[in-house]
């Protein structure tokens, strides 16, 4: 299966690593744009972006998930499914409709099962 993984923080890296090690193809990663970090407030890539780059996987960093360039690239990649772990932004319906088998939110909390907690 052709996948596009969406995630940003360190907690999402083990899930990305499991997908990389699986029989599935991780065609790209979607993550939040580089952000200021540390004392010098230098721009740094997210932990997911760093791990994807180390694995030679394309990294997409849309400022907004409804950006036409991002949506066009996602269509070009043509993922079958998009697993999500703590991406950090709401995806518009137009993006949600792109993968043939949808987006799968892997969440650490029981709150979504009980109607609270928002998305991850």
PDB file of N, CA and C in Angstrom:
ATOM      1  N   UNK A   1       0.853  -1.171   0.000  1.00  0.00           N
ATOM      2  CA  UNK A   1       0.000   0.000   0.000  1.00  0.00           C
ATOM      3  C   UNK A   1       0.902   1.237   0.000  1.00  0.00           C
ATOM      4  N   UNK A   2       0.516   2.229  -0.756  1.00  0.00           N
ATOM      5  CA  UNK A   2       1.259   3.501  -0.850  1.00  0.00           C
ATOM      6  C   UNK A   2       0.712   4.451   0.215  1.00  0.00           C
ATOM      7  N   UNK A   3       1.585   4.903   1.116  1.00  0.00           N
ATOM      8  CA  UNK A   3       1.168   5.720   2.248  1.00  0.00           C
ATOM      9  C   UNK A   3       1.801   7.098   2.217  1.00  0.00           C
ATOM     10  N   UNK A   4       1.081   8.063   2.778  1.00  0.00           N
ATOM     11  CA  UNK A   4       1.634   9.363   3.145  1.00  0.00           C
ATOM     12  C   UNK A   4       1.369   9.504   4.633  1.00  0.00           C
ATOM     13  N   UNK A   5       2.434   9.604   5.419  1.00  0.00           N
ATOM     14  CA  UNK A   5       2.328   9.711   6.873  1.00  0.00           C
ATOM     15  C   UNK A   5       2.254  11.178   7.264  1.00  0.00           C
ATOM     16  N   UNK A   6       1.352  11.529   8.172  1.00  0.00           N
ATOM     17  CA  UNK A   6       1.248  12.894   8.675  1.00  0.00           C
ATOM     18  C   UNK A   6       1.533  12.892  10.172  1.00  0.00           C
ATOM     19  N   UNK A   7       2.516  13.675  10.587  1.00  0.00           N
ATOM     20  CA  UNK A   7       2.879  13.770  11.993  1.00  0.00           C
ATOM     21  C   UNK A   7       3.919  14.853  12.176  1.00  0.00           C
ATOM     22  N   UNK A   8       4.124  15.267  13.412  1.00  0.00           N
ATOM     23  CA  UNK A   8       5.080  16.347  13.674  1.00  0.00           C
ATOM     24  C   UNK A   8       6.018  16.052  14.846  1.00  0.00           C
ATOM     25  N   UNK A   9       5.530  15.809  16.077  1.00  0.00           N
ATOM     26  CA  UNK A   9       6.434  15.726  17.225  1.00  0.00           C
ATOM     27  C   UNK A   9       7.151  14.376  17.349  1.00  0.00           C
ATOM     28  N   UNK A  10       8.047  14.327  18.302  1.00  0.00           N
ATOM     29  CA  UNK A  10       8.846  13.122  18.576  1.00  0.00           C
ATOM     30  C   UNK A  10       7.959  11.904  18.843  1.00  0.00           C
ATOM     31  N   UNK A  11       6.830  12.111  19.494  1.00  0.00           N
ATOM     32  CA  UNK A  11       5.941  10.998  19.833  1.00  0.00           C
ATOM     33  C   UNK A  11       5.407  10.288  18.572  1.00  0.00           C
ATOM     34  N   UNK A  12       5.435  10.958  17.427  1.00  0.00           N
ATOM     35  CA  UNK A  12       4.956  10.364  16.180  1.00  0.00           C
ATOM     36  C   UNK A  12       6.032   9.542  15.461  1.00  0.00           C
ATOM     37  N   UNK A  13       7.291   9.713  15.839  1.00  0.00           N
ATOM     38  CA  UNK A  13       8.398   9.052  15.136  1.00  0.00           C
ATOM     39  C   UNK A  13       8.319   7.520  15.209  1.00  0.00           C
ATOM     40  N   UNK A  14       8.022   6.904  16.367  1.00  0.00           N
ATOM     41  CA  UNK A  14       7.946   5.436  16.385  1.00  0.00           C
ATOM     42  C   UNK A  14       6.904   4.865  15.399  1.00  0.00           C
ATOM     43  N   UNK A  15       5.795   5.558  15.229  1.00  0.00           N
ATOM     44  CA  UNK A  15       4.796   5.096  14.261  1.00  0.00           C
ATOM     45  C   UNK A  15       5.334   5.192  12.841  1.00  0.00           C
ATOM     46  N   UNK A  16       6.025   6.287  12.539  1.00  0.00           N
ATOM     47  CA  UNK A  16       6.651   6.423  11.224  1.00  0.00           C
ATOM     48  C   UNK A  16       7.675   5.314  11.018  1.00  0.00           C
ATOM     49  N   UNK A  17       8.493   5.057  12.019  1.00  0.00           N
ATOM     50  CA  UNK A  17       9.500   4.002  11.898  1.00  0.00           C
ATOM     51  C   UNK A  17       8.859   2.640  11.648  1.00  0.00           C
ATOM     52  N   UNK A  18       7.758   2.355  12.318  1.00  0.00           N
ATOM     53  CA  UNK A  18       7.063   1.080  12.104  1.00  0.00           C
ATOM     54  C   UNK A  18       6.561   0.984  10.667  1.00  0.00           C
ATOM     55  N   UNK A  19       6.059   2.073  10.123  1.00  0.00           N
ATOM     56  CA  UNK A  19       5.585   2.048   8.733  1.00  0.00           C
ATOM     57  C   UNK A  19       6.744   1.895   7.754  1.00  0.00           C
ATOM     58  N   UNK A  20       7.868   2.552   8.037  1.00  0.00           N
ATOM     59  CA  UNK A  20       9.041   2.416   7.179  1.00  0.00           C
ATOM     60  C   UNK A  20       9.509   0.960   7.156  1.00  0.00           C
ATOM     61  N   UNK A  21       9.455   0.301   8.306  1.00  0.00           N
ATOM     62  CA  UNK A  21       9.900  -1.089   8.417  1.00  0.00           C
ATOM     63  C   UNK A  21       8.881  -2.091   7.875  1.00  0.00           C
ATOM     64  N   UNK A  22       7.673  -1.644   7.589  1.00  0.00           N
ATOM     65  CA  UNK A  22       6.619  -2.539   7.115  1.00  0.00           C
ATOM     66  C   UNK A  22       6.763  -2.818   5.621  1.00  0.00           C
ATOM     67  N   UNK A  23       5.868  -3.622   5.112  1.00  0.00           N
ATOM     68  CA  UNK A  23       5.886  -3.946   3.675  1.00  0.00           C
ATOM     69  C   UNK A  23       5.293  -2.816   2.827  1.00  0.00           C
ATOM     70  N   UNK A  24       4.743  -1.797   3.479  1.00  0.00           N
ATOM     71  CA  UNK A  24       4.112  -0.691   2.771  1.00  0.00           C
ATOM     72  C   UNK A  24       5.145   0.339   2.317  1.00  0.00           C
ATOM     73  N   UNK A  25       4.802   1.111   1.297  1.00  0.00           N
ATOM     74  CA  UNK A  25       5.663   2.174   0.786  1.00  0.00           C
ATOM     75  C   UNK A  25       5.255   3.497   1.433  1.00  0.00           C
ATOM     76  N   UNK A  26       6.170   4.117   2.154  1.00  0.00           N
ATOM     77  CA  UNK A  26       5.925   5.456   2.683  1.00  0.00           C
ATOM     78  C   UNK A  26       6.446   6.422   1.623  1.00  0.00           C
ATOM     79  N   UNK A  27       5.535   6.940   0.814  1.00  0.00           N
ATOM     80  CA  UNK A  27       5.905   7.768  -0.330  1.00  0.00           C
ATOM     81  C   UNK A  27       6.281   9.186   0.074  1.00  0.00           C
ATOM     82  N   UNK A  28       5.698   9.679   1.166  1.00  0.00           N
ATOM     83  CA  UNK A  28       5.979  11.038   1.633  1.00  0.00           C
ATOM     84  C   UNK A  28       5.512  11.183   3.069  1.00  0.00           C
ATOM     85  N   UNK A  29       5.944  12.277   3.673  1.00  0.00           N
ATOM     86  CA  UNK A  29       5.539  12.644   5.023  1.00  0.00           C
ATOM     87  C   UNK A  29       5.007  14.067   4.972  1.00  0.00           C
ATOM     88  N   UNK A  30       3.914  14.317   5.683  1.00  0.00           N
ATOM     89  CA  UNK A  30       3.368  15.664   5.848  1.00  0.00           C
ATOM     90  C   UNK A  30       3.630  16.059   7.290  1.00  0.00           C
ATOM     91  N   UNK A  31       4.235  17.226   7.478  1.00  0.00           N
ATOM     92  CA  UNK A  31       4.547  17.699   8.824  1.00  0.00           C
ATOM     93  C   UNK A  31       4.385  19.210   8.869  1.00  0.00           C
ATOM     94  N   UNK A  32       4.397  19.760  10.054  1.00  0.00           N
ATOM     95  CA  UNK A  32       4.276  21.209  10.218  1.00  0.00           C
ATOM     96  C   UNK A  32       5.562  21.871   9.721  1.00  0.00           C
ATOM     97  N   UNK A  33       5.479  23.128   9.298  1.00  0.00           N
ATOM     98  CA  UNK A  33       6.677  23.833   8.838  1.00  0.00           C
ATOM     99  C   UNK A  33       7.742  23.929   9.939  1.00  0.00           C
ATOM    100  N   UNK A  34       8.988  24.107   9.521  1.00  0.00           N
ATOM    101  CA  UNK A  34      10.079  24.285  10.467  1.00  0.00           C
ATOM    102  C   UNK A  34       9.720  25.414  11.431  1.00  0.00           C
ATOM    103  N   UNK A  35      10.128  25.247  12.693  1.00  0.00           N
ATOM    104  CA  UNK A  35       9.768  26.220  13.730  1.00  0.00           C
ATOM    105  C   UNK A  35      11.003  26.652  14.510  1.00  0.00           C
ATOM    106  N   UNK A  36      10.982  27.879  15.066  1.00  0.00           N
ATOM    107  CA  UNK A  36      12.100  28.325  15.891  1.00  0.00           C
ATOM    108  C   UNK A  36      12.256  27.440  17.122  1.00  0.00           C
ATOM    109  N   UNK A  37      13.519  27.150  17.462  1.00  0.00           N
ATOM    110  CA  UNK A  37      13.776  26.264  18.592  1.00  0.00           C
ATOM    111  C   UNK A  37      15.096  26.628  19.243  1.00  0.00           C
ATOM    112  N   UNK A  38      15.224  26.325  20.524  1.00  0.00           N
ATOM    113  CA  UNK A  38      16.469  26.527  21.245  1.00  0.00           C
ATOM    114  C   UNK A  38      16.721  27.972  21.611  1.00  0.00           C
ATOM    115  N   UNK A  39      17.885  28.196  22.207  1.00  0.00           N
ATOM    116  CA  UNK A  39      18.238  29.544  22.678  1.00  0.00           C
ATOM    117  C   UNK A  39      18.342  30.545  21.540  1.00  0.00           C
ATOM    118  N   UNK A  40      18.898  30.110  20.417  1.00  0.00           N
ATOM    119  CA  UNK A  40      19.077  31.008  19.287  1.00  0.00           C
ATOM    120  C   UNK A  40      17.841  31.182  18.440  1.00  0.00           C
ATOM    121  N   UNK A  41      16.780  30.425  18.788  1.00  0.00           N
ATOM    122  CA  UNK A  41      15.514  30.478  18.047  1.00  0.00           C
ATOM    123  C   UNK A  41      15.726  30.232  16.549  1.00  0.00           C
ATOM    124  N   UNK A  42      16.649  29.323  16.230  1.00  0.00           N
ATOM    125  CA  UNK A  42      16.894  28.961  14.837  1.00  0.00           C
ATOM    126  C   UNK A  42      15.771  28.052  14.351  1.00  0.00           C
ATOM    127  N   UNK A  43      15.451  28.161  13.073  1.00  0.00           N
ATOM    128  CA  UNK A  43      14.438  27.281  12.495  1.00  0.00           C
ATOM    129  C   UNK A  43      14.952  25.857  12.492  1.00  0.00           C
ATOM    130  N   UNK A  44      14.113  24.948  12.975  1.00  0.00           N
ATOM    131  CA  UNK A  44      14.471  23.526  13.030  1.00  0.00           C
ATOM    132  C   UNK A  44      13.336  22.700  12.450  1.00  0.00           C
ATOM    133  N   UNK A  45      13.672  21.645  11.729  1.00  0.00           N
ATOM    134  CA  UNK A  45      12.627  20.749  11.233  1.00  0.00           C
ATOM    135  C   UNK A  45      12.018  19.957  12.384  1.00  0.00           C
ATOM    136  N   UNK A  46      10.819  19.485  12.172  1.00  0.00           N
ATOM    137  CA  UNK A  46      10.163  18.659  13.180  1.00  0.00           C
ATOM    138  C   UNK A  46      10.894  17.324  13.295  1.00  0.00           C
ATOM    139  N   UNK A  47      10.726  16.612  14.415  1.00  0.00           N
ATOM    140  CA  UNK A  47      11.331  15.284  14.547  1.00  0.00           C
ATOM    141  C   UNK A  47      10.895  14.328  13.426  1.00  0.00           C
ATOM    142  N   UNK A  48       9.638  14.418  13.007  1.00  0.00           N
ATOM    143  CA  UNK A  48       9.161  13.563  11.912  1.00  0.00           C
ATOM    144  C   UNK A  48       9.868  13.928  10.606  1.00  0.00           C
ATOM    145  N   UNK A  49      10.047  15.226  10.349  1.00  0.00           N
ATOM    146  CA  UNK A  49      10.749  15.658   9.139  1.00  0.00           C
ATOM    147  C   UNK A  49      12.187  15.154   9.143  1.00  0.00           C
ATOM    148  N   UNK A  50      12.846  15.227  10.297  1.00  0.00           N
ATOM    149  CA  UNK A  50      14.228  14.755  10.395  1.00  0.00           C
ATOM    150  C   UNK A  50      14.323  13.261  10.114  1.00  0.00           C
ATOM    151  N   UNK A  51      13.414  12.480  10.699  1.00  0.00           N
ATOM    152  CA  UNK A  51      13.451  11.017  10.500  1.00  0.00           C
ATOM    153  C   UNK A  51      13.152  10.663   9.047  1.00  0.00           C
ATOM    154  N   UNK A  52      12.182  11.340   8.442  1.00  0.00           N
ATOM    155  CA  UNK A  52      11.844  11.091   7.041  1.00  0.00           C
ATOM    156  C   UNK A  52      13.027  11.432   6.138  1.00  0.00           C
ATOM    157  N   UNK A  53      13.660  12.560   6.381  1.00  0.00           N
ATOM    158  CA  UNK A  53      14.816  12.956   5.575  1.00  0.00           C
ATOM    159  C   UNK A  53      15.936  11.931   5.701  1.00  0.00           C
ATOM    160  N   UNK A  54      16.172  11.426   6.913  1.00  0.00           N
ATOM    161  CA  UNK A  54      17.193  10.394   7.122  1.00  0.00           C
ATOM    162  C   UNK A  54      16.888   9.136   6.313  1.00  0.00           C
ATOM    163  N   UNK A  55      15.596   8.856   6.124  1.00  0.00           N
ATOM    164  CA  UNK A  55      15.177   7.655   5.384  1.00  0.00           C
ATOM    165  C   UNK A  55      15.034   7.922   3.890  1.00  0.00           C
ATOM    166  N   UNK A  56      15.294   9.158   3.466  1.00  0.00           N
ATOM    167  CA  UNK A  56      15.172   9.497   2.048  1.00  0.00           C
ATOM    168  C   UNK A  56      13.744   9.645   1.568  1.00  0.00           C
ATOM    169  N   UNK A  57      12.846   9.985   2.489  1.00  0.00           N
ATOM    170  CA  UNK A  57      11.427  10.138   2.167  1.00  0.00           C
ATOM    171  C   UNK A  57      11.128  11.619   1.938  1.00  0.00           C
ATOM    172  N   UNK A  58      10.347  11.906   0.923  1.00  0.00           N
ATOM    173  CA  UNK A  58       9.942  13.278   0.624  1.00  0.00           C
ATOM    174  C   UNK A  58       9.177  13.875   1.806  1.00  0.00           C
ATOM    175  N   UNK A  59       9.492  15.120   2.142  1.00  0.00           N
ATOM    176  CA  UNK A  59       8.837  15.816   3.256  1.00  0.00           C
ATOM    177  C   UNK A  59       8.038  16.997   2.714  1.00  0.00           C
ATOM    178  N   UNK A  60       6.750  17.015   3.018  1.00  0.00           N
ATOM    179  CA  UNK A  60       5.857  18.115   2.640  1.00  0.00           C
ATOM    180  C   UNK A  60       5.572  18.939   3.892  1.00  0.00           C
ATOM    181  N   UNK A  61       5.780  20.261   3.802  1.00  0.00           N
ATOM    182  CA  UNK A  61       5.598  21.153   4.958  1.00  0.00           C
ATOM    183  C   UNK A  61       4.653  22.305   4.600  1.00  0.00           C
ATOM    184  N   UNK A  62       3.394  22.031   4.335  1.00  0.00           N
ATOM    185  CA  UNK A  62       2.503  23.133   3.947  1.00  0.00           C
ATOM    186  C   UNK A  62       2.291  24.125   5.091  1.00  0.00           C
ATOM    187  N   UNK A  63       2.295  25.415   4.740  1.00  0.00           N
ATOM    188  CA  UNK A  63       1.938  26.439   5.732  1.00  0.00           C
ATOM    189  C   UNK A  63       0.491  26.231   6.175  1.00  0.00           C
ATOM    190  N   UNK A  64      -0.357  25.927   5.195  1.00  0.00           N
ATOM    191  CA  UNK A  64      -1.763  25.617   5.443  1.00  0.00           C
ATOM    192  C   UNK A  64      -2.122  24.389   4.609  1.00  0.00           C
ATOM    193  N   UNK A  65      -2.789  23.416   5.203  1.00  0.00           N
ATOM    194  CA  UNK A  65      -3.125  22.201   4.453  1.00  0.00           C
ATOM    195  C   UNK A  65      -4.079  22.414   3.281  1.00  0.00           C
ATOM    196  N   UNK A  66      -4.610  23.620   3.108  1.00  0.00           N
ATOM    197  CA  UNK A  66      -5.456  23.865   1.932  1.00  0.00           C
ATOM    198  C   UNK A  66      -4.682  24.579   0.825  1.00  0.00           C
ATOM    199  N   UNK A  67      -3.358  24.764   1.007  1.00  0.00           N
ATOM    200  CA  UNK A  67      -2.529  25.383  -0.031  1.00  0.00           C
ATOM    201  C   UNK A  67      -2.627  24.575  -1.326  1.00  0.00           C
ATOM    202  N   UNK A  68      -2.914  25.227  -2.452  1.00  0.00           N
ATOM    203  CA  UNK A  68      -3.076  24.508  -3.724  1.00  0.00           C
ATOM    204  C   UNK A  68      -1.850  23.672  -4.120  1.00  0.00           C
ATOM    205  N   UNK A  69      -0.644  24.175  -3.827  1.00  0.00           N
ATOM    206  CA  UNK A  69       0.565  23.426  -4.182  1.00  0.00           C
ATOM    207  C   UNK A  69       0.643  22.113  -3.405  1.00  0.00           C
ATOM    208  N   UNK A  70       0.292  22.170  -2.112  1.00  0.00           N
ATOM    209  CA  UNK A  70       0.292  20.964  -1.286  1.00  0.00           C
ATOM    210  C   UNK A  70      -0.738  19.966  -1.801  1.00  0.00           C
ATOM    211  N   UNK A  71      -1.948  20.435  -2.055  1.00  0.00           N
ATOM    212  CA  UNK A  71      -3.009  19.540  -2.527  1.00  0.00           C
ATOM    213  C   UNK A  71      -2.647  18.919  -3.872  1.00  0.00           C
ATOM    214  N   UNK A  72      -2.044  19.699  -4.756  1.00  0.00           N
ATOM    215  CA  UNK A  72      -1.631  19.171  -6.063  1.00  0.00           C
ATOM    216  C   UNK A  72      -0.570  18.092  -5.887  1.00  0.00           C
ATOM    217  N   UNK A  73       0.400  18.326  -4.991  1.00  0.00           N
ATOM    218  CA  UNK A  73       1.451  17.319  -4.784  1.00  0.00           C
ATOM    219  C   UNK A  73       0.868  16.064  -4.155  1.00  0.00           C
ATOM    220  N   UNK A  74      -0.050  16.203  -3.230  1.00  0.00           N
ATOM    221  CA  UNK A  74      -0.683  15.043  -2.606  1.00  0.00           C
ATOM    222  C   UNK A  74      -1.432  14.229  -3.663  1.00  0.00           C
ATOM    223  N   UNK A  75      -2.110  14.903  -4.589  1.00  0.00           N
ATOM    224  CA  UNK A  75      -2.797  14.190  -5.676  1.00  0.00           C
ATOM    225  C   UNK A  75      -1.796  13.450  -6.562  1.00  0.00           C
ATOM    226  N   UNK A  76      -0.660  14.100  -6.859  1.00  0.00           N
ATOM    227  CA  UNK A  76       0.374  13.469  -7.683  1.00  0.00           C
ATOM    228  C   UNK A  76       0.923  12.202  -7.022  1.00  0.00           C
ATOM    229  N   UNK A  77       1.132  12.259  -5.720  1.00  0.00           N
ATOM    230  CA  UNK A  77       1.648  11.101  -4.987  1.00  0.00           C
ATOM    231  C   UNK A  77       0.637   9.968  -5.002  1.00  0.00           C
ATOM    232  N   UNK A  78      -0.644  10.304  -5.008  1.00  0.00           N
ATOM    233  CA  UNK A  78      -1.749   9.343  -5.072  1.00  0.00           C
ATOM    234  C   UNK A  78      -1.651   8.261  -3.997  1.00  0.00           C
ATOM    235  N   UNK A  79      -1.693   8.666  -2.722  1.00  0.00           N
ATOM    236  CA  UNK A  79      -1.613   7.657  -1.657  1.00  0.00           C
ATOM    237  C   UNK A  79      -2.876   6.813  -1.585  1.00  0.00           C
ATOM    238  N   UNK A  80      -2.700   5.570  -1.155  1.00  0.00           N
ATOM    239  CA  UNK A  80      -3.847   4.713  -0.880  1.00  0.00           C
ATOM    240  C   UNK A  80      -4.464   5.091   0.463  1.00  0.00           C
ATOM    241  N   UNK A  81      -3.594   5.438   1.418  1.00  0.00           N
ATOM    242  CA  UNK A  81      -4.040   5.748   2.779  1.00  0.00           C
ATOM    243  C   UNK A  81      -3.038   6.708   3.414  1.00  0.00           C
ATOM    244  N   UNK A  82      -3.538   7.504   4.373  1.00  0.00           N
ATOM    245  CA  UNK A  82      -2.678   8.451   5.076  1.00  0.00           C
ATOM    246  C   UNK A  82      -2.833   8.277   6.588  1.00  0.00           C
ATOM    247  N   UNK A  83      -1.913   7.564   7.234  1.00  0.00           N
ATOM    248  CA  UNK A  83      -1.947   7.478   8.695  1.00  0.00           C
ATOM    249  C   UNK A  83      -1.516   8.813   9.304  1.00  0.00           C
ATOM    250  N   UNK A  84      -2.153   9.188  10.407  1.00  0.00           N
ATOM    251  CA  UNK A  84      -1.883  10.467  11.070  1.00  0.00           C
ATOM    252  C   UNK A  84      -1.582  10.214  12.548  1.00  0.00           C
ATOM    253  N   UNK A  85      -0.473  10.784  13.040  1.00  0.00           N
ATOM    254  CA  UNK A  85      -0.147  10.760  14.467  1.00  0.00           C
ATOM    255  C   UNK A  85       0.298  12.165  14.859  1.00  0.00           C
ATOM    256  N   UNK A  86      -0.545  12.889  15.570  1.00  0.00           N
ATOM    257  CA  UNK A  86      -0.186  14.200  16.119  1.00  0.00           C
ATOM    258  C   UNK A  86       0.368  15.144  15.056  1.00  0.00           C
ATOM    259  N   UNK A  87      -0.346  15.288  13.959  1.00  0.00           N
ATOM    260  CA  UNK A  87       0.097  16.201  12.897  1.00  0.00           C
ATOM    261  C   UNK A  87       0.067  17.653  13.363  1.00  0.00           C
ATOM    262  N   UNK A  88      -1.026  18.088  13.965  1.00  0.00           N
ATOM    263  CA  UNK A  88      -1.074  19.427  14.532  1.00  0.00           C
ATOM    264  C   UNK A  88      -1.825  20.457  13.720  1.00  0.00           C
ATOM    265  N   UNK A  89      -2.551  20.051  12.691  1.00  0.00           N
ATOM    266  CA  UNK A  89      -3.364  20.990  11.914  1.00  0.00           C
ATOM    267  C   UNK A  89      -4.608  20.256  11.417  1.00  0.00           C
ATOM    268  N   UNK A  90      -5.670  21.001  11.222  1.00  0.00           N
ATOM    269  CA  UNK A  90      -6.894  20.415  10.679  1.00  0.00           C
ATOM    270  C   UNK A  90      -6.769  20.306   9.164  1.00  0.00           C
ATOM    271  N   UNK A  91      -7.160  19.172   8.634  1.00  0.00           N
ATOM    272  CA  UNK A  91      -7.103  18.943   7.196  1.00  0.00           C
ATOM    273  C   UNK A  91      -8.454  19.259   6.570  1.00  0.00           C
ATOM    274  N   UNK A  92      -8.472  20.003   5.468  1.00  0.00           N
ATOM    275  CA  UNK A  92      -9.745  20.314   4.821  1.00  0.00           C
ATOM    276  C   UNK A  92     -10.299  19.089   4.099  1.00  0.00           C
ATOM    277  N   UNK A  93     -11.594  19.100   3.841  1.00  0.00           N
ATOM    278  CA  UNK A  93     -12.254  17.976   3.173  1.00  0.00           C
ATOM    279  C   UNK A  93     -11.591  17.650   1.841  1.00  0.00           C
ATOM    280  N   UNK A  94     -11.157  18.654   1.104  1.00  0.00           N
ATOM    281  CA  UNK A  94     -10.526  18.404  -0.191  1.00  0.00           C
ATOM    282  C   UNK A  94      -9.273  17.529  -0.019  1.00  0.00           C
ATOM    283  N   UNK A  95      -8.521  17.720   1.067  1.00  0.00           N
ATOM    284  CA  UNK A  95      -7.357  16.866   1.341  1.00  0.00           C
ATOM    285  C   UNK A  95      -7.799  15.497   1.835  1.00  0.00           C
ATOM    286  N   UNK A  96      -8.836  15.471   2.660  1.00  0.00           N
ATOM    287  CA  UNK A  96      -9.332  14.202   3.195  1.00  0.00           C
ATOM    288  C   UNK A  96      -9.844  13.279   2.090  1.00  0.00           C
ATOM    289  N   UNK A  97     -10.308  13.859   0.999  1.00  0.00           N
ATOM    290  CA  UNK A  97     -10.868  13.068  -0.098  1.00  0.00           C
ATOM    291  C   UNK A  97      -9.814  12.496  -1.042  1.00  0.00           C
ATOM    292  N   UNK A  98      -8.558  12.870  -0.912  1.00  0.00           N
ATOM    293  CA  UNK A  98      -7.535  12.442  -1.874  1.00  0.00           C
ATOM    294  C   UNK A  98      -7.166  10.959  -1.749  1.00  0.00           C
ATOM    295  N   UNK A  99      -6.773  10.453  -0.580  1.00  0.00           N
ATOM    296  CA  UNK A  99      -6.385   9.039  -0.535  1.00  0.00           C
ATOM    297  C   UNK A  99      -7.589   8.110  -0.728  1.00  0.00           C
ATOM    298  N   UNK A 100      -7.383   7.072  -1.514  1.00  0.00           N
ATOM    299  CA  UNK A 100      -8.469   6.145  -1.841  1.00  0.00           C
ATOM    300  C   UNK A 100      -9.088   5.502  -0.598  1.00  0.00           C
ATOM    301  N   UNK A 101      -8.270   5.211   0.403  1.00  0.00           N
ATOM    302  CA  UNK A 101      -8.763   4.546   1.616  1.00  0.00           C
ATOM    303  C   UNK A 101      -8.808   5.484   2.820  1.00  0.00           C
ATOM    304  N   UNK A 102      -8.684   6.765   2.564  1.00  0.00           N
ATOM    305  CA  UNK A 102      -8.860   7.764   3.613  1.00  0.00           C
ATOM    306  C   UNK A 102      -7.645   8.000   4.496  1.00  0.00           C
ATOM    307  N   UNK A 103      -7.890   8.757   5.553  1.00  0.00           N
ATOM    308  CA  UNK A 103      -6.891   9.093   6.562  1.00  0.00           C
ATOM    309  C   UNK A 103      -7.237   8.316   7.821  1.00  0.00           C
ATOM    310  N   UNK A 104      -6.235   7.770   8.493  1.00  0.00           N
ATOM    311  CA  UNK A 104      -6.446   6.990   9.710  1.00  0.00           C
ATOM    312  C   UNK A 104      -5.727   7.694  10.853  1.00  0.00           C
ATOM    313  N   UNK A 105      -6.488   8.195  11.814  1.00  0.00           N
ATOM    314  CA  UNK A 105      -5.916   8.909  12.951  1.00  0.00           C
ATOM    315  C   UNK A 105      -5.524   7.909  14.030  1.00  0.00           C
ATOM    316  N   UNK A 106      -4.231   7.772  14.266  1.00  0.00           N
ATOM    317  CA  UNK A 106      -3.723   6.914  15.339  1.00  0.00           C
ATOM    318  C   UNK A 106      -3.584   7.803  16.572  1.00  0.00           C
ATOM    319  N   UNK A 107      -4.424   7.580  17.569  1.00  0.00           N
ATOM    320  CA  UNK A 107      -4.507   8.487  18.712  1.00  0.00           C
ATOM    321  C   UNK A 107      -4.142   7.758  19.989  1.00  0.00           C
ATOM    322  N   UNK A 108      -3.471   8.443  20.905  1.00  0.00           N
ATOM    323  CA  UNK A 108      -2.996   7.841  22.149  1.00  0.00           C
ATOM    324  C   UNK A 108      -4.001   7.887  23.286  1.00  0.00           C
ATOM    325  N   UNK A 109      -5.065   8.610  23.114  1.00  0.00           N
ATOM    326  CA  UNK A 109      -6.006   8.845  24.198  1.00  0.00           C
ATOM    327  C   UNK A 109      -7.326   8.118  23.962  1.00  0.00           C
ATOM    328  N   UNK A 110      -8.003   7.794  25.045  1.00  0.00           N
ATOM    329  CA  UNK A 110      -9.352   7.241  24.944  1.00  0.00           C
ATOM    330  C   UNK A 110     -10.393   8.338  24.757  1.00  0.00           C
ATOM    331  N   UNK A 111     -10.002   9.598  24.939  1.00  0.00           N
ATOM    332  CA  UNK A 111     -10.961  10.692  24.855  1.00  0.00           C
ATOM    333  C   UNK A 111     -11.763  10.713  23.545  1.00  0.00           C
ATOM    334  N   UNK A 112     -11.134  10.521  22.366  1.00  0.00           N
ATOM    335  CA  UNK A 112     -11.950  10.556  21.142  1.00  0.00           C
ATOM    336  C   UNK A 112     -13.067   9.504  21.153  1.00  0.00           C
ATOM    337  N   UNK A 113     -12.839   8.367  21.776  1.00  0.00           N
ATOM    338  CA  UNK A 113     -13.879   7.338  21.846  1.00  0.00           C
ATOM    339  C   UNK A 113     -15.056   7.800  22.689  1.00  0.00           C
ATOM    340  N   UNK A 114     -14.812   8.751  23.574  1.00  0.00           N
ATOM    341  CA  UNK A 114     -15.858   9.257  24.465  1.00  0.00           C
ATOM    342  C   UNK A 114     -16.360  10.633  24.054  1.00  0.00           C
ATOM    343  N   UNK A 115     -16.007  11.070  22.848  1.00  0.00           N
ATOM    344  CA  UNK A 115     -16.568  12.296  22.319  1.00  0.00           C
ATOM    345  C   UNK A 115     -15.822  13.565  22.682  1.00  0.00           C
ATOM    346  N   UNK A 116     -14.625  13.461  23.221  1.00  0.00           N
ATOM    347  CA  UNK A 116     -13.873  14.677  23.568  1.00  0.00           C
ATOM    348  C   UNK A 116     -12.459  14.607  23.033  1.00  0.00           C
ATOM    349  N   UNK A 117     -11.691  15.584  23.363  1.00  0.00           N
ATOM    350  CA  UNK A 117     -10.254  15.526  23.111  1.00  0.00           C
ATOM    351  C   UNK A 117      -9.783  16.056  21.772  1.00  0.00           C
ATOM    352  N   UNK A 118     -10.632  16.253  20.787  1.00  0.00           N
ATOM    353  CA  UNK A 118     -10.168  16.766  19.496  1.00  0.00           C
ATOM    354  C   UNK A 118      -9.319  15.765  18.748  1.00  0.00           C
ATOM    355  N   UNK A 119      -8.591  16.237  17.763  1.00  0.00           N
ATOM    356  CA  UNK A 119      -7.785  15.340  16.923  1.00  0.00           C
ATOM    357  C   UNK A 119      -6.317  15.458  17.237  1.00  0.00           C
ATOM    358  N   UNK A 120      -5.540  14.505  16.744  1.00  0.00           N
ATOM    359  CA  UNK A 120      -4.117  14.513  17.019  1.00  0.00           C
ATOM    360  C   UNK A 120      -3.302  14.592  15.863  1.00  0.00           C
TER     361      UNK A 120
END
